[in-house]
Amino acid sequence: MSLFSKLFGGKSKAGKAPEVEAESYNGFRITPAPQSDADGYRIGAVIEKEIDGEVKRHHLLRADVVRSLDEAQAFSLRKAKQVIDEQGERLFR
């Protein structure tokens, strides 16, 4: 990274979380998307489902923070599954 990028906020690829494959669950597609936080990673995921030919998308973001990225991805999947079980397609209203 160049000096100017460092000074003016250029982003490094090293700080970017690696891409994670989506997981299917009860007709929904869950992609873990934890967000970096000062104390670790905030639990987050993208929940998608095709309804009437249109892909509906819900961004889940929790206040919970965990230390490691692997742990955050696992918790994100678990929390997304719980939300799907509780709300189903009402999630997209």
N, C-alpha and C. Protein backbone atom coordinates (compact mmCIF):
# COMPACT_ATOMS: atom_id res chain seq x y z
N MET A 1 0.86 -1.17 0.00
CA MET A 1 0.00 0.00 0.00
C MET A 1 0.90 1.23 0.00
N SER A 2 0.56 2.22 -0.77
CA SER A 2 1.38 3.41 -0.88
C SER A 2 1.18 4.31 0.33
N LEU A 3 2.10 5.24 0.48
CA LEU A 3 2.04 6.21 1.57
C LEU A 3 0.75 7.02 1.51
N PHE A 4 0.34 7.44 0.31
CA PHE A 4 -0.87 8.24 0.16
C PHE A 4 -2.12 7.44 0.53
N SER A 5 -2.13 6.17 0.21
CA SER A 5 -3.27 5.33 0.58
C SER A 5 -3.39 5.24 2.09
N LYS A 6 -2.26 5.10 2.76
CA LYS A 6 -2.28 5.02 4.22
C LYS A 6 -2.76 6.34 4.82
N LEU A 7 -2.30 7.44 4.28
CA LEU A 7 -2.66 8.76 4.81
C LEU A 7 -4.12 9.11 4.56
N PHE A 8 -4.65 8.72 3.41
CA PHE A 8 -5.99 9.14 3.03
C PHE A 8 -7.02 8.03 3.09
N GLY A 9 -6.74 7.00 3.86
CA GLY A 9 -7.75 5.99 4.13
C GLY A 9 -7.92 4.91 3.11
N GLY A 10 -6.91 4.61 2.31
CA GLY A 10 -7.01 3.50 1.37
C GLY A 10 -7.18 2.20 2.14
N LYS A 11 -7.94 1.29 1.59
CA LYS A 11 -8.23 0.04 2.29
C LYS A 11 -7.28 -1.06 1.84
N SER A 12 -6.83 -1.81 2.80
CA SER A 12 -5.95 -2.94 2.53
C SER A 12 -6.78 -4.20 2.37
N LYS A 13 -6.40 -5.06 1.46
CA LYS A 13 -7.10 -6.34 1.29
C LYS A 13 -6.84 -7.26 2.47
N ALA A 14 -5.74 -7.05 3.19
CA ALA A 14 -5.41 -7.90 4.33
C ALA A 14 -6.44 -7.76 5.44
N GLY A 15 -7.06 -6.59 5.60
CA GLY A 15 -8.03 -6.37 6.65
C GLY A 15 -9.43 -6.83 6.30
N LYS A 16 -9.64 -7.25 5.08
CA LYS A 16 -10.96 -7.67 4.62
C LYS A 16 -11.21 -9.13 5.02
N ALA A 17 -12.41 -9.40 5.53
CA ALA A 17 -12.78 -10.76 5.91
C ALA A 17 -12.89 -11.63 4.66
N PRO A 18 -12.46 -12.88 4.76
CA PRO A 18 -12.55 -13.76 3.60
C PRO A 18 -14.00 -14.08 3.26
N GLU A 19 -14.27 -14.31 1.98
CA GLU A 19 -15.61 -14.66 1.52
C GLU A 19 -16.02 -16.01 2.10
N VAL A 20 -17.27 -16.12 2.50
CA VAL A 20 -17.79 -17.35 3.08
C VAL A 20 -18.92 -17.85 2.19
N GLU A 21 -18.99 -19.14 1.98
CA GLU A 21 -20.06 -19.70 1.15
C GLU A 21 -21.39 -19.69 1.90
N ALA A 22 -22.45 -19.48 1.15
CA ALA A 22 -23.80 -19.49 1.72
C ALA A 22 -24.19 -20.92 2.08
N GLU A 23 -25.04 -21.03 3.08
CA GLU A 23 -25.55 -22.33 3.52
C GLU A 23 -27.06 -22.34 3.35
N SER A 24 -27.60 -23.43 2.84
CA SER A 24 -29.05 -23.58 2.69
C SER A 24 -29.65 -24.09 3.98
N TYR A 25 -30.82 -23.54 4.34
CA TYR A 25 -31.51 -23.95 5.55
C TYR A 25 -33.01 -23.72 5.36
N ASN A 26 -33.78 -24.79 5.31
CA ASN A 26 -35.25 -24.73 5.19
C ASN A 26 -35.72 -23.83 4.04
N GLY A 27 -35.04 -23.88 2.91
CA GLY A 27 -35.43 -23.10 1.75
C GLY A 27 -34.85 -21.68 1.73
N PHE A 28 -34.11 -21.31 2.76
CA PHE A 28 -33.47 -20.01 2.84
C PHE A 28 -31.98 -20.18 2.55
N ARG A 29 -31.32 -19.12 2.17
CA ARG A 29 -29.87 -19.13 1.97
C ARG A 29 -29.28 -18.16 2.98
N ILE A 30 -28.33 -18.65 3.79
CA ILE A 30 -27.71 -17.84 4.84
C ILE A 30 -26.24 -17.65 4.49
N THR A 31 -25.80 -16.39 4.49
CA THR A 31 -24.38 -16.08 4.30
C THR A 31 -23.90 -15.35 5.54
N PRO A 32 -23.02 -15.96 6.32
CA PRO A 32 -22.48 -15.26 7.50
C PRO A 32 -21.78 -13.98 7.05
N ALA A 33 -22.04 -12.88 7.76
CA ALA A 33 -21.42 -11.59 7.42
C ALA A 33 -21.10 -10.81 8.69
N PRO A 34 -20.25 -11.40 9.56
CA PRO A 34 -19.90 -10.66 10.78
C PRO A 34 -19.16 -9.37 10.44
N GLN A 35 -19.36 -8.36 11.27
CA GLN A 35 -18.71 -7.07 11.04
C GLN A 35 -17.62 -6.85 12.07
N SER A 36 -16.50 -6.32 11.60
CA SER A 36 -15.38 -6.03 12.48
C SER A 36 -15.80 -4.97 13.50
N ASP A 37 -15.37 -5.17 14.74
CA ASP A 37 -15.69 -4.26 15.83
C ASP A 37 -14.42 -4.06 16.63
N ALA A 38 -14.36 -3.02 17.43
CA ALA A 38 -13.16 -2.73 18.21
C ALA A 38 -12.78 -3.90 19.13
N ASP A 39 -13.77 -4.63 19.62
CA ASP A 39 -13.51 -5.73 20.56
C ASP A 39 -13.53 -7.10 19.90
N GLY A 40 -13.74 -7.20 18.61
CA GLY A 40 -13.79 -8.48 17.91
C GLY A 40 -14.66 -8.39 16.68
N TYR A 41 -15.70 -9.24 16.63
CA TYR A 41 -16.60 -9.26 15.47
C TYR A 41 -18.04 -9.29 15.94
N ARG A 42 -18.86 -8.44 15.34
CA ARG A 42 -20.28 -8.37 15.64
C ARG A 42 -21.01 -9.42 14.80
N ILE A 43 -21.94 -10.13 15.42
CA ILE A 43 -22.71 -11.19 14.76
C ILE A 43 -23.57 -10.58 13.65
N GLY A 44 -23.47 -11.14 12.44
CA GLY A 44 -24.27 -10.65 11.32
C GLY A 44 -24.37 -11.69 10.22
N ALA A 45 -25.44 -11.60 9.46
CA ALA A 45 -25.65 -12.53 8.35
C ALA A 45 -26.62 -11.91 7.34
N VAL A 46 -26.59 -12.44 6.14
CA VAL A 46 -27.56 -12.07 5.11
C VAL A 46 -28.43 -13.31 4.89
N ILE A 47 -29.74 -13.11 5.03
CA ILE A 47 -30.71 -14.20 4.84
C ILE A 47 -31.47 -13.90 3.57
N GLU A 48 -31.52 -14.88 2.65
CA GLU A 48 -32.18 -14.69 1.36
C GLU A 48 -33.14 -15.83 1.08
N LYS A 49 -34.18 -15.51 0.31
CA LYS A 49 -35.10 -16.53 -0.17
C LYS A 49 -35.79 -16.00 -1.42
N GLU A 50 -35.95 -16.87 -2.41
CA GLU A 50 -36.68 -16.48 -3.62
C GLU A 50 -38.16 -16.71 -3.37
N ILE A 51 -38.94 -15.62 -3.53
CA ILE A 51 -40.39 -15.67 -3.33
C ILE A 51 -41.04 -15.05 -4.56
N ASP A 52 -41.88 -15.83 -5.24
CA ASP A 52 -42.57 -15.37 -6.46
C ASP A 52 -41.60 -14.82 -7.49
N GLY A 53 -40.48 -15.49 -7.67
CA GLY A 53 -39.50 -15.11 -8.68
C GLY A 53 -38.59 -13.96 -8.29
N GLU A 54 -38.75 -13.41 -7.09
CA GLU A 54 -37.94 -12.29 -6.63
C GLU A 54 -37.12 -12.72 -5.40
N VAL A 55 -35.84 -12.41 -5.40
CA VAL A 55 -34.98 -12.75 -4.26
C VAL A 55 -35.17 -11.69 -3.18
N LYS A 56 -35.70 -12.13 -2.05
CA LYS A 56 -35.88 -11.25 -0.89
C LYS A 56 -34.63 -11.40 -0.02
N ARG A 57 -34.22 -10.28 0.59
CA ARG A 57 -32.97 -10.27 1.36
C ARG A 57 -33.19 -9.54 2.69
N HIS A 58 -32.68 -10.13 3.77
CA HIS A 58 -32.74 -9.51 5.10
C HIS A 58 -31.32 -9.48 5.66
N HIS A 59 -30.91 -8.31 6.14
CA HIS A 59 -29.58 -8.18 6.76
C HIS A 59 -29.75 -8.26 8.27
N LEU A 60 -29.18 -9.29 8.86
CA LEU A 60 -29.26 -9.51 10.29
C LEU A 60 -27.99 -8.96 10.93
N LEU A 61 -28.14 -8.11 11.94
CA LEU A 61 -26.98 -7.59 12.66
C LEU A 61 -27.33 -7.55 14.13
N ARG A 62 -26.50 -8.18 14.93
CA ARG A 62 -26.74 -8.28 16.37
C ARG A 62 -25.72 -7.43 17.13
N ALA A 63 -26.03 -7.13 18.36
CA ALA A 63 -25.11 -6.38 19.22
C ALA A 63 -24.04 -7.29 19.80
N ASP A 64 -24.26 -8.61 19.73
CA ASP A 64 -23.30 -9.57 20.29
C ASP A 64 -21.95 -9.45 19.60
N VAL A 65 -20.88 -9.48 20.39
CA VAL A 65 -19.53 -9.40 19.85
C VAL A 65 -18.72 -10.59 20.38
N VAL A 66 -18.01 -11.25 19.47
CA VAL A 66 -17.12 -12.36 19.85
C VAL A 66 -15.72 -12.04 19.34
N ARG A 67 -14.74 -12.71 19.90
CA ARG A 67 -13.34 -12.39 19.61
C ARG A 67 -12.86 -12.84 18.23
N SER A 68 -13.14 -14.08 17.87
CA SER A 68 -12.56 -14.62 16.62
C SER A 68 -13.56 -14.60 15.46
N LEU A 69 -13.03 -14.49 14.26
CA LEU A 69 -13.86 -14.48 13.06
C LEU A 69 -14.57 -15.81 12.86
N ASP A 70 -13.86 -16.92 13.08
CA ASP A 70 -14.48 -18.24 12.93
C ASP A 70 -15.66 -18.41 13.88
N GLU A 71 -15.48 -17.98 15.11
CA GLU A 71 -16.54 -18.06 16.11
C GLU A 71 -17.71 -17.15 15.71
N ALA A 72 -17.41 -15.97 15.19
CA ALA A 72 -18.46 -15.04 14.75
C ALA A 72 -19.26 -15.63 13.60
N GLN A 73 -18.60 -16.29 12.66
CA GLN A 73 -19.30 -16.90 11.54
C GLN A 73 -20.21 -18.03 12.02
N ALA A 74 -19.73 -18.84 12.95
CA ALA A 74 -20.55 -19.94 13.48
C ALA A 74 -21.76 -19.40 14.23
N PHE A 75 -21.56 -18.39 15.08
CA PHE A 75 -22.67 -17.79 15.81
C PHE A 75 -23.65 -17.10 14.86
N SER A 76 -23.14 -16.50 13.80
CA SER A 76 -24.00 -15.83 12.82
C SER A 76 -24.93 -16.83 12.15
N LEU A 77 -24.40 -17.98 11.77
CA LEU A 77 -25.23 -19.04 11.18
C LEU A 77 -26.29 -19.51 12.16
N ARG A 78 -25.87 -19.75 13.39
CA ARG A 78 -26.79 -20.25 14.41
C ARG A 78 -27.91 -19.24 14.68
N LYS A 79 -27.57 -17.96 14.78
CA LYS A 79 -28.57 -16.93 15.05
C LYS A 79 -29.52 -16.76 13.85
N ALA A 80 -28.99 -16.83 12.64
CA ALA A 80 -29.84 -16.72 11.44
C ALA A 80 -30.83 -17.88 11.38
N LYS A 81 -30.39 -19.08 11.72
CA LYS A 81 -31.29 -20.24 11.73
C LYS A 81 -32.39 -20.05 12.76
N GLN A 82 -32.03 -19.51 13.92
CA GLN A 82 -33.02 -19.25 14.96
C GLN A 82 -34.07 -18.25 14.49
N VAL A 83 -33.62 -17.18 13.83
CA VAL A 83 -34.54 -16.16 13.31
C VAL A 83 -35.46 -16.76 12.24
N ILE A 84 -34.92 -17.60 11.38
CA ILE A 84 -35.73 -18.27 10.35
C ILE A 84 -36.78 -19.16 11.01
N ASP A 85 -36.37 -19.93 12.01
CA ASP A 85 -37.32 -20.81 12.72
C ASP A 85 -38.43 -20.01 13.39
N GLU A 86 -38.10 -18.84 13.93
CA GLU A 86 -39.08 -18.03 14.65
C GLU A 86 -39.99 -17.23 13.71
N GLN A 87 -39.43 -16.70 12.62
CA GLN A 87 -40.19 -15.77 11.79
C GLN A 87 -40.53 -16.28 10.39
N GLY A 88 -39.74 -17.19 9.86
CA GLY A 88 -40.01 -17.69 8.51
C GLY A 88 -40.01 -16.55 7.49
N GLU A 89 -40.98 -16.60 6.56
CA GLU A 89 -41.05 -15.59 5.49
C GLU A 89 -41.52 -14.22 6.01
N ARG A 90 -42.08 -14.17 7.22
CA ARG A 90 -42.46 -12.87 7.80
C ARG A 90 -41.23 -11.96 7.96
N LEU A 91 -40.07 -12.55 7.92
CA LEU A 91 -38.82 -11.81 8.04
C LEU A 91 -38.69 -10.73 6.95
N PHE A 92 -39.34 -10.95 5.82
CA PHE A 92 -39.20 -10.05 4.67
C PHE A 92 -40.30 -9.00 4.58
N ARG A 93 -41.17 -8.92 5.54
CA ARG A 93 -42.26 -7.92 5.51
C ARG A 93 -41.78 -6.57 5.96
